[in-house]
Amino acid sequence: MALALVFLLGIGNFAMHGAVLGSGHPMLGRSPWFLHLLGGRLTLLTEFLLLLAALLLAAEGWNWAVWAYCGYSVLNALAAWLILTRRV
């Protein structure tokens, strides 16, 4: 159950991340240079590594990792909403 939850949250995080990268928000242009490496794919790699770590820890029974990834996903959703609705 925990693995499925983390996996589904990961799909949502990737979707939100992709939407933010494709939004053309002016804040993205003011980001540090290293975030633009590989056309923004470096940040997607970081997102993947976070998901992989959460999945591996959840598979080992570390329930705190599932809660931490849920909290990360909530913060990620809030940030994506703020950026996509141009409130920031």
PDB file of N, CA and C in Angstrom:
ATOM      1  N   MET A   1       0.816  -1.195   0.000  1.00  0.00           N
ATOM      2  CA  MET A   1       0.000   0.000   0.000  1.00  0.00           C
ATOM      3  C   MET A   1       0.859   1.258   0.000  1.00  0.00           C
ATOM      4  N   ALA A   2       1.912   1.252   0.834  1.00  0.00           N
ATOM      5  CA  ALA A   2       2.795   2.419   0.916  1.00  0.00           C
ATOM      6  C   ALA A   2       3.515   2.654  -0.409  1.00  0.00           C
ATOM      7  N   LEU A   3       3.946   1.564  -1.047  1.00  0.00           N
ATOM      8  CA  LEU A   3       4.626   1.710  -2.336  1.00  0.00           C
ATOM      9  C   LEU A   3       3.699   2.307  -3.383  1.00  0.00           C
ATOM     10  N   ALA A   4       2.470   1.857  -3.408  1.00  0.00           N
ATOM     11  CA  ALA A   4       1.514   2.389  -4.384  1.00  0.00           C
ATOM     12  C   ALA A   4       1.247   3.872  -4.140  1.00  0.00           C
ATOM     13  N   LEU A   5       1.127   4.247  -2.878  1.00  0.00           N
ATOM     14  CA  LEU A   5       0.890   5.645  -2.542  1.00  0.00           C
ATOM     15  C   LEU A   5       2.065   6.515  -2.977  1.00  0.00           C
ATOM     16  N   VAL A   6       3.274   6.089  -2.673  1.00  0.00           N
ATOM     17  CA  VAL A   6       4.459   6.861  -3.056  1.00  0.00           C
ATOM     18  C   VAL A   6       4.565   6.936  -4.572  1.00  0.00           C
ATOM     19  N   PHE A   7       4.294   5.841  -5.259  1.00  0.00           N
ATOM     20  CA  PHE A   7       4.362   5.828  -6.718  1.00  0.00           C
ATOM     21  C   PHE A   7       3.349   6.794  -7.324  1.00  0.00           C
ATOM     22  N   LEU A   8       2.117   6.780  -6.834  1.00  0.00           N
ATOM     23  CA  LEU A   8       1.097   7.691  -7.357  1.00  0.00           C
ATOM     24  C   LEU A   8       1.429   9.146  -7.053  1.00  0.00           C
ATOM     25  N   LEU A   9       1.956   9.401  -5.864  1.00  0.00           N
ATOM     26  CA  LEU A   9       2.395  10.763  -5.551  1.00  0.00           C
ATOM     27  C   LEU A   9       3.542  11.182  -6.463  1.00  0.00           C
ATOM     28  N   GLY A  10       4.413  10.256  -6.786  1.00  0.00           N
ATOM     29  CA  GLY A  10       5.517  10.547  -7.698  1.00  0.00           C
ATOM     30  C   GLY A  10       5.028  10.933  -9.078  1.00  0.00           C
ATOM     31  N   ILE A  11       4.009  10.237  -9.567  1.00  0.00           N
ATOM     32  CA  ILE A  11       3.437  10.583 -10.865  1.00  0.00           C
ATOM     33  C   ILE A  11       2.882  12.007 -10.818  1.00  0.00           C
ATOM     34  N   GLY A  12       2.175  12.320  -9.741  1.00  0.00           N
ATOM     35  CA  GLY A  12       1.647  13.674  -9.588  1.00  0.00           C
ATOM     36  C   GLY A  12       2.746  14.717  -9.505  1.00  0.00           C
ATOM     37  N   ASN A  13       3.822  14.408  -8.782  1.00  0.00           N
ATOM     38  CA  ASN A  13       4.930  15.345  -8.671  1.00  0.00           C
ATOM     39  C   ASN A  13       5.592  15.603 -10.015  1.00  0.00           C
ATOM     40  N   PHE A  14       5.770  14.548 -10.811  1.00  0.00           N
ATOM     41  CA  PHE A  14       6.341  14.730 -12.136  1.00  0.00           C
ATOM     42  C   PHE A  14       5.417  15.563 -13.022  1.00  0.00           C
ATOM     43  N   ALA A  15       4.118  15.332 -12.930  1.00  0.00           N
ATOM     44  CA  ALA A  15       3.169  16.107 -13.730  1.00  0.00           C
ATOM     45  C   ALA A  15       3.201  17.585 -13.337  1.00  0.00           C
ATOM     46  N   MET A  16       3.227  17.849 -12.038  1.00  0.00           N
ATOM     47  CA  MET A  16       3.291  19.246 -11.583  1.00  0.00           C
ATOM     48  C   MET A  16       4.604  19.892 -11.986  1.00  0.00           C
ATOM     49  N   HIS A  17       5.691  19.154 -11.862  1.00  0.00           N
ATOM     50  CA  HIS A  17       7.002  19.675 -12.226  1.00  0.00           C
ATOM     51  C   HIS A  17       7.048  20.022 -13.713  1.00  0.00           C
ATOM     52  N   GLY A  18       6.522  19.116 -14.535  1.00  0.00           N
ATOM     53  CA  GLY A  18       6.484  19.374 -15.979  1.00  0.00           C
ATOM     54  C   GLY A  18       5.615  20.572 -16.334  1.00  0.00           C
ATOM     55  N   ALA A  19       4.498  20.725 -15.638  1.00  0.00           N
ATOM     56  CA  ALA A  19       3.620  21.864 -15.892  1.00  0.00           C
ATOM     57  C   ALA A  19       4.302  23.171 -15.524  1.00  0.00           C
ATOM     58  N   VAL A  20       5.021  23.171 -14.427  1.00  0.00           N
ATOM     59  CA  VAL A  20       5.730  24.389 -14.016  1.00  0.00           C
ATOM     60  C   VAL A  20       6.841  24.711 -15.009  1.00  0.00           C
ATOM     61  N   LEU A  21       7.602  23.712 -15.440  1.00  0.00           N
ATOM     62  CA  LEU A  21       8.663  23.957 -16.404  1.00  0.00           C
ATOM     63  C   LEU A  21       8.114  24.480 -17.725  1.00  0.00           C
ATOM     64  N   GLY A  22       6.947  24.010 -18.120  1.00  0.00           N
ATOM     65  CA  GLY A  22       6.346  24.446 -19.380  1.00  0.00           C
ATOM     66  C   GLY A  22       5.501  25.697 -19.278  1.00  0.00           C
ATOM     67  N   SER A  23       5.384  26.258 -18.094  1.00  0.00           N
ATOM     68  CA  SER A  23       4.480  27.398 -17.904  1.00  0.00           C
ATOM     69  C   SER A  23       5.038  28.707 -18.446  1.00  0.00           C
ATOM     70  N   GLY A  24       6.332  28.803 -18.605  1.00  0.00           N
ATOM     71  CA  GLY A  24       6.921  30.052 -19.064  1.00  0.00           C
ATOM     72  C   GLY A  24       6.867  31.159 -18.021  1.00  0.00           C
ATOM     73  N   HIS A  25       6.758  30.801 -16.771  1.00  0.00           N
ATOM     74  CA  HIS A  25       6.688  31.785 -15.692  1.00  0.00           C
ATOM     75  C   HIS A  25       7.999  32.574 -15.638  1.00  0.00           C
ATOM     76  N   PRO A  26       7.919  33.898 -15.444  1.00  0.00           N
ATOM     77  CA  PRO A  26       9.139  34.711 -15.424  1.00  0.00           C
ATOM     78  C   PRO A  26      10.117  34.320 -14.315  1.00  0.00           C
ATOM     79  N   MET A  27       9.626  33.729 -13.255  1.00  0.00           N
ATOM     80  CA  MET A  27      10.499  33.314 -12.164  1.00  0.00           C
ATOM     81  C   MET A  27      11.494  32.246 -12.625  1.00  0.00           C
ATOM     82  N   LEU A  28      11.107  31.430 -13.601  1.00  0.00           N
ATOM     83  CA  LEU A  28      12.004  30.393 -14.093  1.00  0.00           C
ATOM     84  C   LEU A  28      13.219  30.999 -14.779  1.00  0.00           C
ATOM     85  N   GLY A  29      13.045  32.135 -15.425  1.00  0.00           N
ATOM     86  CA  GLY A  29      14.162  32.805 -16.081  1.00  0.00           C
ATOM     87  C   GLY A  29      15.148  33.409 -15.096  1.00  0.00           C
ATOM     88  N   ARG A  30      14.707  33.656 -13.886  1.00  0.00           N
ATOM     89  CA  ARG A  30      15.578  34.239 -12.865  1.00  0.00           C
ATOM     90  C   ARG A  30      16.208  33.173 -11.975  1.00  0.00           C
ATOM     91  N   SER A  31      15.996  31.919 -12.316  1.00  0.00           N
ATOM     92  CA  SER A  31      16.586  30.825 -11.535  1.00  0.00           C
ATOM     93  C   SER A  31      18.087  30.765 -11.773  1.00  0.00           C
ATOM     94  N   PRO A  32      18.836  30.184 -10.850  1.00  0.00           N
ATOM     95  CA  PRO A  32      20.287  30.053 -11.040  1.00  0.00           C
ATOM     96  C   PRO A  32      20.622  29.264 -12.300  1.00  0.00           C
ATOM     97  N   TRP A  33      21.792  29.493 -12.820  1.00  0.00           N
ATOM     98  CA  TRP A  33      22.199  28.901 -14.098  1.00  0.00           C
ATOM     99  C   TRP A  33      22.191  27.381 -14.088  1.00  0.00           C
ATOM    100  N   PHE A  34      22.536  26.782 -12.946  1.00  0.00           N
ATOM    101  CA  PHE A  34      22.636  25.321 -12.921  1.00  0.00           C
ATOM    102  C   PHE A  34      21.281  24.637 -13.025  1.00  0.00           C
ATOM    103  N   LEU A  35      20.195  25.361 -12.759  1.00  0.00           N
ATOM    104  CA  LEU A  35      18.865  24.769 -12.921  1.00  0.00           C
ATOM    105  C   LEU A  35      18.471  24.666 -14.387  1.00  0.00           C
ATOM    106  N   HIS A  36      19.154  25.397 -15.249  1.00  0.00           N
ATOM    107  CA  HIS A  36      18.832  25.378 -16.677  1.00  0.00           C
ATOM    108  C   HIS A  36      19.665  24.357 -17.441  1.00  0.00           C
ATOM    109  N   LEU A  37      20.564  23.668 -16.745  1.00  0.00           N
ATOM    110  CA  LEU A  37      21.366  22.651 -17.412  1.00  0.00           C
ATOM    111  C   LEU A  37      20.454  21.585 -18.024  1.00  0.00           C
ATOM    112  N   LEU A  38      20.803  21.179 -19.192  1.00  0.00           N
ATOM    113  CA  LEU A  38      20.062  20.136 -19.915  1.00  0.00           C
ATOM    114  C   LEU A  38      18.597  20.518 -20.128  1.00  0.00           C
ATOM    115  N   GLY A  39      18.311  21.781 -20.247  1.00  0.00           N
ATOM    116  CA  GLY A  39      16.947  22.232 -20.526  1.00  0.00           C
ATOM    117  C   GLY A  39      15.978  21.990 -19.383  1.00  0.00           C
ATOM    118  N   GLY A  40      16.452  22.028 -18.164  1.00  0.00           N
ATOM    119  CA  GLY A  40      15.592  21.799 -17.011  1.00  0.00           C
ATOM    120  C   GLY A  40      15.498  20.342 -16.609  1.00  0.00           C
ATOM    121  N   ARG A  41      16.155  19.487 -17.356  1.00  0.00           N
ATOM    122  CA  ARG A  41      16.076  18.055 -17.049  1.00  0.00           C
ATOM    123  C   ARG A  41      16.852  17.680 -15.794  1.00  0.00           C
ATOM    124  N   LEU A  42      17.766  18.539 -15.386  1.00  0.00           N
ATOM    125  CA  LEU A  42      18.500  18.273 -14.152  1.00  0.00           C
ATOM    126  C   LEU A  42      17.555  18.280 -12.954  1.00  0.00           C
ATOM    127  N   THR A  43      16.578  19.165 -12.968  1.00  0.00           N
ATOM    128  CA  THR A  43      15.604  19.198 -11.879  1.00  0.00           C
ATOM    129  C   THR A  43      14.689  17.973 -11.934  1.00  0.00           C
ATOM    130  N   LEU A  44      14.402  17.496 -13.137  1.00  0.00           N
ATOM    131  CA  LEU A  44      13.599  16.271 -13.247  1.00  0.00           C
ATOM    132  C   LEU A  44      14.391  15.061 -12.736  1.00  0.00           C
ATOM    133  N   LEU A  45      15.700  15.069 -12.951  1.00  0.00           N
ATOM    134  CA  LEU A  45      16.539  14.000 -12.413  1.00  0.00           C
ATOM    135  C   LEU A  45      16.514  14.020 -10.884  1.00  0.00           C
ATOM    136  N   THR A  46      16.558  15.214 -10.312  1.00  0.00           N
ATOM    137  CA  THR A  46      16.475  15.339  -8.857  1.00  0.00           C
ATOM    138  C   THR A  46      15.134  14.817  -8.356  1.00  0.00           C
ATOM    139  N   GLU A  47      14.070  15.142  -9.076  1.00  0.00           N
ATOM    140  CA  GLU A  47      12.733  14.656  -8.716  1.00  0.00           C
ATOM    141  C   GLU A  47      12.698  13.124  -8.748  1.00  0.00           C
ATOM    142  N   PHE A  48      13.326  12.539  -9.775  1.00  0.00           N
ATOM    143  CA  PHE A  48      13.373  11.087  -9.886  1.00  0.00           C
ATOM    144  C   PHE A  48      14.150  10.469  -8.730  1.00  0.00           C
ATOM    145  N   LEU A  49      15.280  11.071  -8.370  1.00  0.00           N
ATOM    146  CA  LEU A  49      16.085  10.528  -7.276  1.00  0.00           C
ATOM    147  C   LEU A  49      15.339  10.581  -5.948  1.00  0.00           C
ATOM    148  N   LEU A  50      14.562  11.647  -5.725  1.00  0.00           N
ATOM    149  CA  LEU A  50      13.734  11.717  -4.517  1.00  0.00           C
ATOM    150  C   LEU A  50      12.683  10.609  -4.497  1.00  0.00           C
ATOM    151  N   LEU A  51      12.050  10.390  -5.648  1.00  0.00           N
ATOM    152  CA  LEU A  51      11.039   9.328  -5.747  1.00  0.00           C
ATOM    153  C   LEU A  51      11.680   7.958  -5.530  1.00  0.00           C
ATOM    154  N   LEU A  52      12.823   7.736  -6.143  1.00  0.00           N
ATOM    155  CA  LEU A  52      13.508   6.453  -6.002  1.00  0.00           C
ATOM    156  C   LEU A  52      13.877   6.194  -4.542  1.00  0.00           C
ATOM    157  N   ALA A  53      14.413   7.206  -3.874  1.00  0.00           N
ATOM    158  CA  ALA A  53      14.779   7.050  -2.464  1.00  0.00           C
ATOM    159  C   ALA A  53      13.551   6.751  -1.613  1.00  0.00           C
ATOM    160  N   ALA A  54      12.456   7.466  -1.870  1.00  0.00           N
ATOM    161  CA  ALA A  54      11.230   7.231  -1.100  1.00  0.00           C
ATOM    162  C   ALA A  54      10.694   5.820  -1.351  1.00  0.00           C
ATOM    163  N   LEU A  55      10.736   5.359  -2.588  1.00  0.00           N
ATOM    164  CA  LEU A  55      10.262   4.010  -2.899  1.00  0.00           C
ATOM    165  C   LEU A  55      11.137   2.942  -2.236  1.00  0.00           C
ATOM    166  N   LEU A  56      12.445   3.129  -2.292  1.00  0.00           N
ATOM    167  CA  LEU A  56      13.345   2.140  -1.679  1.00  0.00           C
ATOM    168  C   LEU A  56      13.178   2.095  -0.167  1.00  0.00           C
ATOM    169  N   LEU A  57      13.042   3.260   0.455  1.00  0.00           N
ATOM    170  CA  LEU A  57      12.859   3.281   1.902  1.00  0.00           C
ATOM    171  C   LEU A  57      11.496   2.717   2.297  1.00  0.00           C
ATOM    172  N   ALA A  58      10.466   3.007   1.503  1.00  0.00           N
ATOM    173  CA  ALA A  58       9.137   2.456   1.793  1.00  0.00           C
ATOM    174  C   ALA A  58       9.137   0.938   1.636  1.00  0.00           C
ATOM    175  N   ALA A  59       9.883   0.442   0.661  1.00  0.00           N
ATOM    176  CA  ALA A  59       9.966  -1.002   0.452  1.00  0.00           C
ATOM    177  C   ALA A  59      10.649  -1.696   1.631  1.00  0.00           C
ATOM    178  N   GLU A  60      11.526  -0.991   2.318  1.00  0.00           N
ATOM    179  CA  GLU A  60      12.207  -1.545   3.492  1.00  0.00           C
ATOM    180  C   GLU A  60      11.401  -1.376   4.774  1.00  0.00           C
ATOM    181  N   GLY A  61      10.225  -0.739   4.660  1.00  0.00           N
ATOM    182  CA  GLY A  61       9.361  -0.609   5.820  1.00  0.00           C
ATOM    183  C   GLY A  61       9.566   0.663   6.625  1.00  0.00           C
ATOM    184  N   TRP A  62      10.274   1.621   6.097  1.00  0.00           N
ATOM    185  CA  TRP A  62      10.518   2.884   6.779  1.00  0.00           C
ATOM    186  C   TRP A  62       9.331   3.804   6.537  1.00  0.00           C
ATOM    187  N   ASN A  63       8.346   3.740   7.417  1.00  0.00           N
ATOM    188  CA  ASN A  63       7.113   4.503   7.225  1.00  0.00           C
ATOM    189  C   ASN A  63       7.321   6.007   7.284  1.00  0.00           C
ATOM    190  N   TRP A  64       8.330   6.469   8.003  1.00  0.00           N
ATOM    191  CA  TRP A  64       8.582   7.911   8.066  1.00  0.00           C
ATOM    192  C   TRP A  64       8.911   8.458   6.683  1.00  0.00           C
ATOM    193  N   ALA A  65       9.515   7.642   5.814  1.00  0.00           N
ATOM    194  CA  ALA A  65       9.850   8.100   4.463  1.00  0.00           C
ATOM    195  C   ALA A  65       8.578   8.343   3.654  1.00  0.00           C
ATOM    196  N   VAL A  66       7.570   7.506   3.879  1.00  0.00           N
ATOM    197  CA  VAL A  66       6.296   7.700   3.186  1.00  0.00           C
ATOM    198  C   VAL A  66       5.657   9.009   3.642  1.00  0.00           C
ATOM    199  N   TRP A  67       5.661   9.253   4.949  1.00  0.00           N
ATOM    200  CA  TRP A  67       5.089  10.503   5.465  1.00  0.00           C
ATOM    201  C   TRP A  67       5.888  11.710   4.987  1.00  0.00           C
ATOM    202  N   ALA A  68       7.191  11.588   4.942  1.00  0.00           N
ATOM    203  CA  ALA A  68       8.031  12.690   4.466  1.00  0.00           C
ATOM    204  C   ALA A  68       7.745  12.984   2.997  1.00  0.00           C
ATOM    205  N   TYR A  69       7.582  11.930   2.184  1.00  0.00           N
ATOM    206  CA  TYR A  69       7.289  12.143   0.763  1.00  0.00           C
ATOM    207  C   TYR A  69       5.883  12.716   0.573  1.00  0.00           C
ATOM    208  N   CYS A  70       4.949  12.327   1.430  1.00  0.00           N
ATOM    209  CA  CYS A  70       3.605  12.925   1.381  1.00  0.00           C
ATOM    210  C   CYS A  70       3.680  14.419   1.699  1.00  0.00           C
ATOM    211  N   GLY A  71       4.454  14.781   2.713  1.00  0.00           N
ATOM    212  CA  GLY A  71       4.629  16.192   3.046  1.00  0.00           C
ATOM    213  C   GLY A  71       5.302  16.961   1.923  1.00  0.00           C
ATOM    214  N   TYR A  72       6.317  16.352   1.315  1.00  0.00           N
ATOM    215  CA  TYR A  72       6.994  16.965   0.176  1.00  0.00           C
ATOM    216  C   TYR A  72       6.011  17.181  -0.974  1.00  0.00           C
ATOM    217  N   SER A  73       5.150  16.211  -1.210  1.00  0.00           N
ATOM    218  CA  SER A  73       4.179  16.319  -2.298  1.00  0.00           C
ATOM    219  C   SER A  73       3.173  17.433  -2.045  1.00  0.00           C
ATOM    220  N   VAL A  74       2.752  17.589  -0.805  1.00  0.00           N
ATOM    221  CA  VAL A  74       1.820  18.673  -0.465  1.00  0.00           C
ATOM    222  C   VAL A  74       2.483  20.026  -0.704  1.00  0.00           C
ATOM    223  N   LEU A  75       3.720  20.174  -0.256  1.00  0.00           N
ATOM    224  CA  LEU A  75       4.436  21.431  -0.487  1.00  0.00           C
ATOM    225  C   LEU A  75       4.678  21.664  -1.975  1.00  0.00           C
ATOM    226  N   ASN A  76       4.976  20.602  -2.703  1.00  0.00           N
ATOM    227  CA  ASN A  76       5.178  20.697  -4.141  1.00  0.00           C
ATOM    228  C   ASN A  76       3.886  21.136  -4.834  1.00  0.00           C
ATOM    229  N   ALA A  77       2.749  20.598  -4.408  1.00  0.00           N
ATOM    230  CA  ALA A  77       1.467  20.979  -4.999  1.00  0.00           C
ATOM    231  C   ALA A  77       1.139  22.444  -4.712  1.00  0.00           C
ATOM    232  N   LEU A  78       1.420  22.877  -3.499  1.00  0.00           N
ATOM    233  CA  LEU A  78       1.185  24.277  -3.149  1.00  0.00           C
ATOM    234  C   LEU A  78       2.057  25.199  -3.999  1.00  0.00           C
ATOM    235  N   ALA A  79       3.326  24.865  -4.129  1.00  0.00           N
ATOM    236  CA  ALA A  79       4.226  25.692  -4.937  1.00  0.00           C
ATOM    237  C   ALA A  79       3.802  25.709  -6.399  1.00  0.00           C
ATOM    238  N   ALA A  80       3.422  24.557  -6.940  1.00  0.00           N
ATOM    239  CA  ALA A  80       2.980  24.495  -8.336  1.00  0.00           C
ATOM    240  C   ALA A  80       1.714  25.325  -8.526  1.00  0.00           C
ATOM    241  N   TRP A  81       0.797  25.256  -7.595  1.00  0.00           N
ATOM    242  CA  TRP A  81      -0.437  26.041  -7.692  1.00  0.00           C
ATOM    243  C   TRP A  81      -0.121  27.534  -7.674  1.00  0.00           C
ATOM    244  N   LEU A  82       0.770  27.939  -6.791  1.00  0.00           N
ATOM    245  CA  LEU A  82       1.140  29.350  -6.713  1.00  0.00           C
ATOM    246  C   LEU A  82       1.788  29.825  -8.007  1.00  0.00           C
ATOM    247  N   ILE A  83       2.646  29.005  -8.587  1.00  0.00           N
ATOM    248  CA  ILE A  83       3.343  29.394  -9.816  1.00  0.00           C
ATOM    249  C   ILE A  83       2.388  29.378 -11.013  1.00  0.00           C
ATOM    250  N   LEU A  84       1.596  28.327 -11.136  1.00  0.00           N
ATOM    251  CA  LEU A  84       0.726  28.201 -12.310  1.00  0.00           C
ATOM    252  C   LEU A  84      -0.412  29.205 -12.322  1.00  0.00           C
ATOM    253  N   THR A  85      -0.864  29.640 -11.161  1.00  0.00           N
ATOM    254  CA  THR A  85      -1.925  30.644 -11.102  1.00  0.00           C
ATOM    255  C   THR A  85      -1.363  32.061 -11.030  1.00  0.00           C
ATOM    256  N   ARG A  86      -0.037  32.164 -11.172  1.00  0.00           N
ATOM    257  CA  ARG A  86       0.669  33.459 -11.197  1.00  0.00           C
ATOM    258  C   ARG A  86       0.436  34.273  -9.929  1.00  0.00           C
ATOM    259  N   ARG A  87       0.335  33.609  -8.801  1.00  0.00           N
ATOM    260  CA  ARG A  87       0.187  34.299  -7.530  1.00  0.00           C
ATOM    261  C   ARG A  87       1.546  34.675  -6.955  1.00  0.00           C
ATOM    262  N   VAL A  88       2.594  34.143  -7.548  1.00  0.00           N
ATOM    263  CA  VAL A  88       3.950  34.460  -7.105  1.00  0.00           C
ATOM    264  C   VAL A  88       4.627  35.232  -8.216  1.00  0.00           C
TER     265      VAL A  88
END
